């Protein structure tokens, strides 16, 4: 049996889910493509919101484009290997 696939991540996000209006701008602007919008879950105001997958680079594109300032971006000094790579 082969080991579980991993993804190198250089950053992470804290997302203020309840402040999000579900505009999708962050998803479209994410260079590594690790932000996806929820499909069935909504926040307290009824909007879909982004979720972070493994592989964030900490580039801050999401926080720079977000009109509602819902992202706090953190970049790791040393990249981490996280489970969740392609199968």
C-alpha atoms as a PDB file:
ATOM      1  CA  UNK A   1       0.000   0.000   0.000  1.00  0.00           C
ATOM      2  CA  UNK A   2       1.439   3.385  -1.012  1.00  0.00           C
ATOM      3  CA  UNK A   3       1.660   6.274   1.465  1.00  0.00           C
ATOM      4  CA  UNK A   4      -1.101   8.887   1.481  1.00  0.00           C
ATOM      5  CA  UNK A   5      -0.456  11.747  -0.975  1.00  0.00           C
ATOM      6  CA  UNK A   6       0.666  15.055   0.479  1.00  0.00           C
ATOM      7  CA  UNK A   7       0.643  18.697  -0.597  1.00  0.00           C
ATOM      8  CA  UNK A   8       3.233  21.302   0.314  1.00  0.00           C
ATOM      9  CA  UNK A   9       1.648  24.376   1.879  1.00  0.00           C
ATOM     10  CA  UNK A  10       3.394  27.641   2.600  1.00  0.00           C
ATOM     11  CA  UNK A  11       0.551  29.487   4.295  1.00  0.00           C
ATOM     12  CA  UNK A  12      -2.902  29.378   5.773  1.00  0.00           C
ATOM     13  CA  UNK A  13      -5.971  31.570   6.152  1.00  0.00           C
ATOM     14  CA  UNK A  14      -8.440  32.540   8.805  1.00  0.00           C
ATOM     15  CA  UNK A  15     -11.766  33.253   7.109  1.00  0.00           C
ATOM     16  CA  UNK A  16     -14.481  35.342   8.770  1.00  0.00           C
ATOM     17  CA  UNK A  17     -17.262  33.178   7.361  1.00  0.00           C
ATOM     18  CA  UNK A  18     -20.106  35.325   8.673  1.00  0.00           C
ATOM     19  CA  UNK A  19     -18.739  38.498   7.023  1.00  0.00           C
ATOM     20  CA  UNK A  20     -18.561  36.836   3.579  1.00  0.00           C
ATOM     21  CA  UNK A  21     -21.145  37.737   0.911  1.00  0.00           C
ATOM     22  CA  UNK A  22     -20.229  34.850  -1.413  1.00  0.00           C
ATOM     23  CA  UNK A  23     -18.985  36.993  -4.326  1.00  0.00           C
ATOM     24  CA  UNK A  24     -16.464  34.348  -5.569  1.00  0.00           C
ATOM     25  CA  UNK A  25     -13.759  36.965  -6.245  1.00  0.00           C
ATOM     26  CA  UNK A  26     -11.327  35.168  -3.923  1.00  0.00           C
ATOM     27  CA  UNK A  27     -11.844  31.835  -5.650  1.00  0.00           C
ATOM     28  CA  UNK A  28     -11.179  33.355  -9.074  1.00  0.00           C
ATOM     29  CA  UNK A  29      -8.069  35.227  -7.867  1.00  0.00           C
ATOM     30  CA  UNK A  30      -6.382  32.334  -6.009  1.00  0.00           C
ATOM     31  CA  UNK A  31      -3.224  31.422  -8.001  1.00  0.00           C
ATOM     32  CA  UNK A  32      -2.846  27.876  -6.590  1.00  0.00           C
ATOM     33  CA  UNK A  33      -6.628  27.311  -6.808  1.00  0.00           C
ATOM     34  CA  UNK A  34      -7.033  26.181  -3.214  1.00  0.00           C
ATOM     35  CA  UNK A  35     -10.153  28.203  -2.375  1.00  0.00           C
ATOM     36  CA  UNK A  36     -13.516  26.658  -3.191  1.00  0.00           C
ATOM     37  CA  UNK A  37     -17.000  27.927  -2.428  1.00  0.00           C
ATOM     38  CA  UNK A  38     -19.307  25.813  -0.336  1.00  0.00           C
ATOM     39  CA  UNK A  39     -22.169  24.322  -2.287  1.00  0.00           C
ATOM     40  CA  UNK A  40     -24.720  23.493   0.393  1.00  0.00           C
ATOM     41  CA  UNK A  41     -23.480  25.295   3.521  1.00  0.00           C
ATOM     42  CA  UNK A  42     -24.269  28.972   4.090  1.00  0.00           C
ATOM     43  CA  UNK A  43     -23.249  31.479   6.719  1.00  0.00           C
ATOM     44  CA  UNK A  44     -25.633  33.149   9.190  1.00  0.00           C
ATOM     45  CA  UNK A  45     -26.642  35.667   6.507  1.00  0.00           C
ATOM     46  CA  UNK A  46     -27.456  32.961   3.946  1.00  0.00           C
ATOM     47  CA  UNK A  47     -24.391  33.294   1.707  1.00  0.00           C
ATOM     48  CA  UNK A  48     -22.080  30.541   0.503  1.00  0.00           C
ATOM     49  CA  UNK A  49     -18.504  31.053   1.694  1.00  0.00           C
ATOM     50  CA  UNK A  50     -14.981  29.914   0.715  1.00  0.00           C
ATOM     51  CA  UNK A  51     -13.154  26.923   2.157  1.00  0.00           C
ATOM     52  CA  UNK A  52      -9.405  26.457   2.082  1.00  0.00           C
ATOM     53  CA  UNK A  53      -7.865  23.287   0.657  1.00  0.00           C
ATOM     54  CA  UNK A  54      -4.270  22.203   1.243  1.00  0.00           C
ATOM     55  CA  UNK A  55      -1.642  24.008  -0.825  1.00  0.00           C
ATOM     56  CA  UNK A  56      -1.997  27.676   0.171  1.00  0.00           C
ATOM     57  CA  UNK A  57       1.089  29.734  -0.731  1.00  0.00           C
ATOM     58  CA  UNK A  58       0.262  32.696   1.521  1.00  0.00           C
ATOM     59  CA  UNK A  59       0.276  35.020  -1.511  1.00  0.00           C
ATOM     60  CA  UNK A  60      -2.513  37.249  -0.101  1.00  0.00           C
ATOM     61  CA  UNK A  61      -4.379  37.529  -3.427  1.00  0.00           C
ATOM     62  CA  UNK A  62      -7.640  36.590  -1.675  1.00  0.00           C
ATOM     63  CA  UNK A  63      -7.272  39.254   1.004  1.00  0.00           C
ATOM     64  CA  UNK A  64      -6.307  41.920  -1.530  1.00  0.00           C
ATOM     65  CA  UNK A  65      -9.351  41.371  -3.744  1.00  0.00           C
ATOM     66  CA  UNK A  66     -11.958  40.734  -1.016  1.00  0.00           C
ATOM     67  CA  UNK A  67     -14.330  43.716  -0.675  1.00  0.00           C
ATOM     68  CA  UNK A  68     -15.424  42.556   2.792  1.00  0.00           C
ATOM     69  CA  UNK A  69     -11.973  41.951   4.358  1.00  0.00           C
ATOM     70  CA  UNK A  70     -12.816  38.410   5.472  1.00  0.00           C
ATOM     71  CA  UNK A  71      -9.271  36.970   5.190  1.00  0.00           C
ATOM     72  CA  UNK A  72      -6.296  36.957   7.523  1.00  0.00           C
ATOM     73  CA  UNK A  73      -3.324  35.409   5.721  1.00  0.00           C
ATOM     74  CA  UNK A  74      -0.391  33.758   7.472  1.00  0.00           C
ATOM     75  CA  UNK A  75       2.786  32.579   5.760  1.00  0.00           C
ATOM     76  CA  UNK A  76       4.903  29.811   7.266  1.00  0.00           C
ATOM     77  CA  UNK A  77       8.659  30.273   7.604  1.00  0.00           C
ATOM     78  CA  UNK A  78       9.100  26.618   6.663  1.00  0.00           C
ATOM     79  CA  UNK A  79       6.616  24.939   4.280  1.00  0.00           C
ATOM     80  CA  UNK A  80       4.533  22.084   5.689  1.00  0.00           C
ATOM     81  CA  UNK A  81       3.568  18.795   4.070  1.00  0.00           C
ATOM     82  CA  UNK A  82      -0.153  18.196   4.574  1.00  0.00           C
ATOM     83  CA  UNK A  83      -2.326  15.248   3.573  1.00  0.00           C
ATOM     84  CA  UNK A  84      -4.612  15.869   0.650  1.00  0.00           C
ATOM     85  CA  UNK A  85      -2.637  15.609  -2.558  1.00  0.00           C
ATOM     86  CA  UNK A  86      -4.015  14.127  -5.752  1.00  0.00           C
ATOM     87  CA  UNK A  87      -4.746  10.421  -5.580  1.00  0.00           C
END
